[in-house]
Amino acid sequence: MRGDRIRFPDPLEDGCTVEGTFHEVAVDQPIEVPGPEGGTRLTDAAWVSREDKTTARVPYSSIRPA
């Protein structure tokens, strides 16, 4: 999956879905996401890059094929 084109919710774009490139799972670097009943929970994360080549750490479960 490394180098694959993907779509992901970009934290810099208020969570709007954008296209980018998958890099790797962020091992031992969980990310906080809203919990189903309020509060937050930790989930697996992944490193991705945007079209402008900047990187972001996003929830792995939110990544979709482009």
N, C-alpha and C. Protein backbone atom coordinates (compact mmCIF):
# COMPACT_ATOMS: atom_id res chain seq x y z
N MET A 1 0.82 -1.20 0.00
CA MET A 1 0.00 0.00 0.00
C MET A 1 0.86 1.26 0.00
N ARG A 2 2.13 1.15 0.39
CA ARG A 2 3.01 2.32 0.40
C ARG A 2 3.10 2.91 -1.00
N GLY A 3 2.89 4.21 -1.10
CA GLY A 3 2.94 4.90 -2.37
C GLY A 3 1.62 4.93 -3.12
N ASP A 4 0.61 4.22 -2.60
CA ASP A 4 -0.70 4.20 -3.25
C ASP A 4 -1.41 5.54 -3.11
N ARG A 5 -2.20 5.88 -4.12
CA ARG A 5 -3.03 7.08 -4.07
C ARG A 5 -4.22 6.78 -3.17
N ILE A 6 -4.54 7.72 -2.28
CA ILE A 6 -5.62 7.52 -1.32
C ILE A 6 -6.44 8.80 -1.16
N ARG A 7 -7.54 8.67 -0.43
CA ARG A 7 -8.34 9.81 -0.01
C ARG A 7 -8.40 9.74 1.52
N PHE A 8 -8.32 10.89 2.17
CA PHE A 8 -8.34 10.92 3.63
C PHE A 8 -8.90 12.25 4.12
N PRO A 9 -9.45 12.28 5.34
CA PRO A 9 -9.93 13.54 5.91
C PRO A 9 -8.74 14.37 6.37
N ASP A 10 -8.55 15.52 5.76
CA ASP A 10 -7.38 16.36 6.06
C ASP A 10 -7.68 17.27 7.25
N PRO A 11 -6.90 17.15 8.33
CA PRO A 11 -7.12 18.01 9.49
C PRO A 11 -6.93 19.49 9.19
N LEU A 12 -6.14 19.83 8.17
CA LEU A 12 -5.95 21.24 7.81
C LEU A 12 -7.11 21.79 7.00
N GLU A 13 -7.97 20.90 6.49
CA GLU A 13 -9.12 21.31 5.68
C GLU A 13 -10.42 21.03 6.43
N ASP A 14 -10.39 21.15 7.76
CA ASP A 14 -11.56 20.89 8.61
C ASP A 14 -12.16 19.51 8.38
N GLY A 15 -11.31 18.53 8.10
CA GLY A 15 -11.76 17.16 7.92
C GLY A 15 -12.32 16.84 6.55
N CYS A 16 -12.25 17.79 5.62
CA CYS A 16 -12.73 17.52 4.25
C CYS A 16 -11.82 16.47 3.61
N THR A 17 -12.40 15.60 2.81
CA THR A 17 -11.64 14.54 2.16
C THR A 17 -10.82 15.09 1.01
N VAL A 18 -9.53 14.76 1.00
CA VAL A 18 -8.61 15.19 -0.06
C VAL A 18 -7.84 13.97 -0.56
N GLU A 19 -7.16 14.12 -1.69
CA GLU A 19 -6.33 13.05 -2.22
C GLU A 19 -4.89 13.23 -1.79
N GLY A 20 -4.19 12.13 -1.67
CA GLY A 20 -2.79 12.16 -1.30
C GLY A 20 -2.16 10.81 -1.53
N THR A 21 -1.05 10.56 -0.83
CA THR A 21 -0.29 9.33 -0.98
C THR A 21 -0.07 8.71 0.39
N PHE A 22 -0.28 7.39 0.47
CA PHE A 22 -0.04 6.66 1.71
C PHE A 22 1.45 6.42 1.88
N HIS A 23 1.96 6.60 3.12
CA HIS A 23 3.37 6.33 3.39
C HIS A 23 3.54 5.10 4.26
N GLU A 24 2.99 5.14 5.47
CA GLU A 24 3.14 4.00 6.36
C GLU A 24 2.22 4.13 7.56
N VAL A 25 1.98 3.00 8.20
CA VAL A 25 1.23 3.00 9.45
C VAL A 25 2.12 3.66 10.50
N ALA A 26 1.54 4.50 11.32
CA ALA A 26 2.30 5.21 12.37
C ALA A 26 2.40 4.29 13.59
N VAL A 27 3.35 3.36 13.56
CA VAL A 27 3.51 2.37 14.62
C VAL A 27 3.78 3.07 15.95
N ASP A 28 3.05 2.64 16.97
CA ASP A 28 3.18 3.19 18.33
C ASP A 28 2.93 4.69 18.40
N GLN A 29 2.14 5.23 17.46
CA GLN A 29 1.78 6.65 17.45
C GLN A 29 0.27 6.79 17.26
N PRO A 30 -0.53 6.30 18.22
CA PRO A 30 -1.98 6.41 18.05
C PRO A 30 -2.42 7.87 18.01
N ILE A 31 -3.61 8.07 17.50
CA ILE A 31 -4.15 9.41 17.36
C ILE A 31 -5.50 9.48 18.07
N GLU A 32 -5.81 10.61 18.68
CA GLU A 32 -7.09 10.78 19.36
C GLU A 32 -8.18 11.14 18.35
N VAL A 33 -9.31 10.47 18.47
CA VAL A 33 -10.48 10.76 17.63
C VAL A 33 -11.69 10.87 18.54
N PRO A 34 -12.76 11.54 18.08
CA PRO A 34 -13.97 11.62 18.91
C PRO A 34 -14.51 10.22 19.19
N GLY A 35 -14.91 9.99 20.42
CA GLY A 35 -15.50 8.71 20.81
C GLY A 35 -16.97 8.65 20.43
N PRO A 36 -17.53 7.45 20.34
CA PRO A 36 -18.92 7.30 19.93
C PRO A 36 -19.92 7.90 20.92
N GLU A 37 -19.54 8.01 22.18
CA GLU A 37 -20.44 8.56 23.19
C GLU A 37 -19.84 9.80 23.85
N GLY A 38 -19.14 10.61 23.09
CA GLY A 38 -18.49 11.79 23.63
C GLY A 38 -17.07 11.46 24.06
N GLY A 39 -16.32 12.47 24.41
CA GLY A 39 -14.93 12.26 24.79
C GLY A 39 -14.08 11.88 23.58
N THR A 40 -12.92 11.29 23.86
CA THR A 40 -12.03 10.87 22.79
C THR A 40 -11.57 9.45 23.06
N ARG A 41 -11.04 8.82 22.01
CA ARG A 41 -10.45 7.49 22.14
C ARG A 41 -9.22 7.46 21.24
N LEU A 42 -8.33 6.52 21.51
CA LEU A 42 -7.13 6.37 20.69
C LEU A 42 -7.38 5.33 19.61
N THR A 43 -6.85 5.57 18.42
CA THR A 43 -6.97 4.64 17.30
C THR A 43 -5.66 4.62 16.52
N ASP A 44 -5.47 3.57 15.72
CA ASP A 44 -4.26 3.48 14.89
C ASP A 44 -4.21 4.64 13.91
N ALA A 45 -3.01 5.08 13.61
CA ALA A 45 -2.81 6.21 12.69
C ALA A 45 -1.89 5.81 11.55
N ALA A 46 -1.88 6.66 10.53
CA ALA A 46 -1.00 6.44 9.38
C ALA A 46 -0.42 7.78 8.94
N TRP A 47 0.75 7.73 8.34
CA TRP A 47 1.37 8.92 7.76
C TRP A 47 1.00 8.99 6.29
N VAL A 48 0.54 10.14 5.85
CA VAL A 48 0.14 10.36 4.46
C VAL A 48 0.74 11.69 4.01
N SER A 49 0.79 11.90 2.70
CA SER A 49 1.22 13.21 2.21
C SER A 49 0.14 13.79 1.32
N ARG A 50 0.05 15.10 1.38
CA ARG A 50 -0.92 15.85 0.58
C ARG A 50 -0.33 16.11 -0.80
N GLU A 51 -1.14 16.70 -1.67
CA GLU A 51 -0.67 17.06 -3.01
C GLU A 51 0.52 18.02 -2.95
N ASP A 52 0.57 18.90 -1.94
CA ASP A 52 1.67 19.86 -1.83
C ASP A 52 2.92 19.28 -1.15
N LYS A 53 2.91 17.96 -0.92
CA LYS A 53 4.03 17.20 -0.36
C LYS A 53 4.21 17.38 1.15
N THR A 54 3.32 18.09 1.84
CA THR A 54 3.37 18.14 3.29
C THR A 54 2.76 16.84 3.83
N THR A 55 3.13 16.47 5.05
CA THR A 55 2.65 15.21 5.61
C THR A 55 1.64 15.45 6.73
N ALA A 56 0.87 14.42 7.00
CA ALA A 56 -0.12 14.46 8.09
C ALA A 56 -0.24 13.08 8.69
N ARG A 57 -0.59 13.03 9.95
CA ARG A 57 -0.89 11.76 10.62
C ARG A 57 -2.40 11.73 10.79
N VAL A 58 -3.05 10.74 10.20
CA VAL A 58 -4.51 10.66 10.19
C VAL A 58 -4.94 9.28 10.69
N PRO A 59 -6.22 9.16 11.12
CA PRO A 59 -6.71 7.84 11.54
C PRO A 59 -6.63 6.85 10.38
N TYR A 60 -6.01 5.72 10.63
CA TYR A 60 -5.84 4.71 9.59
C TYR A 60 -7.18 4.25 9.02
N SER A 61 -8.18 4.11 9.87
CA SER A 61 -9.49 3.61 9.44
C SER A 61 -10.22 4.58 8.51
N SER A 62 -9.78 5.83 8.43
CA SER A 62 -10.45 6.80 7.59
C SER A 62 -9.87 6.89 6.17
N ILE A 63 -8.80 6.15 5.90
CA ILE A 63 -8.15 6.17 4.57
C ILE A 63 -8.94 5.31 3.61
N ARG A 64 -9.16 5.84 2.42
CA ARG A 64 -9.89 5.12 1.35
C ARG A 64 -9.08 5.17 0.06
N PRO A 65 -9.28 4.19 -0.84
CA PRO A 65 -8.60 4.25 -2.14
C PRO A 65 -9.03 5.50 -2.91
N ALA A 66 -8.13 6.03 -3.73
CA ALA A 66 -8.45 7.22 -4.52
C ALA A 66 -9.27 6.84 -5.73
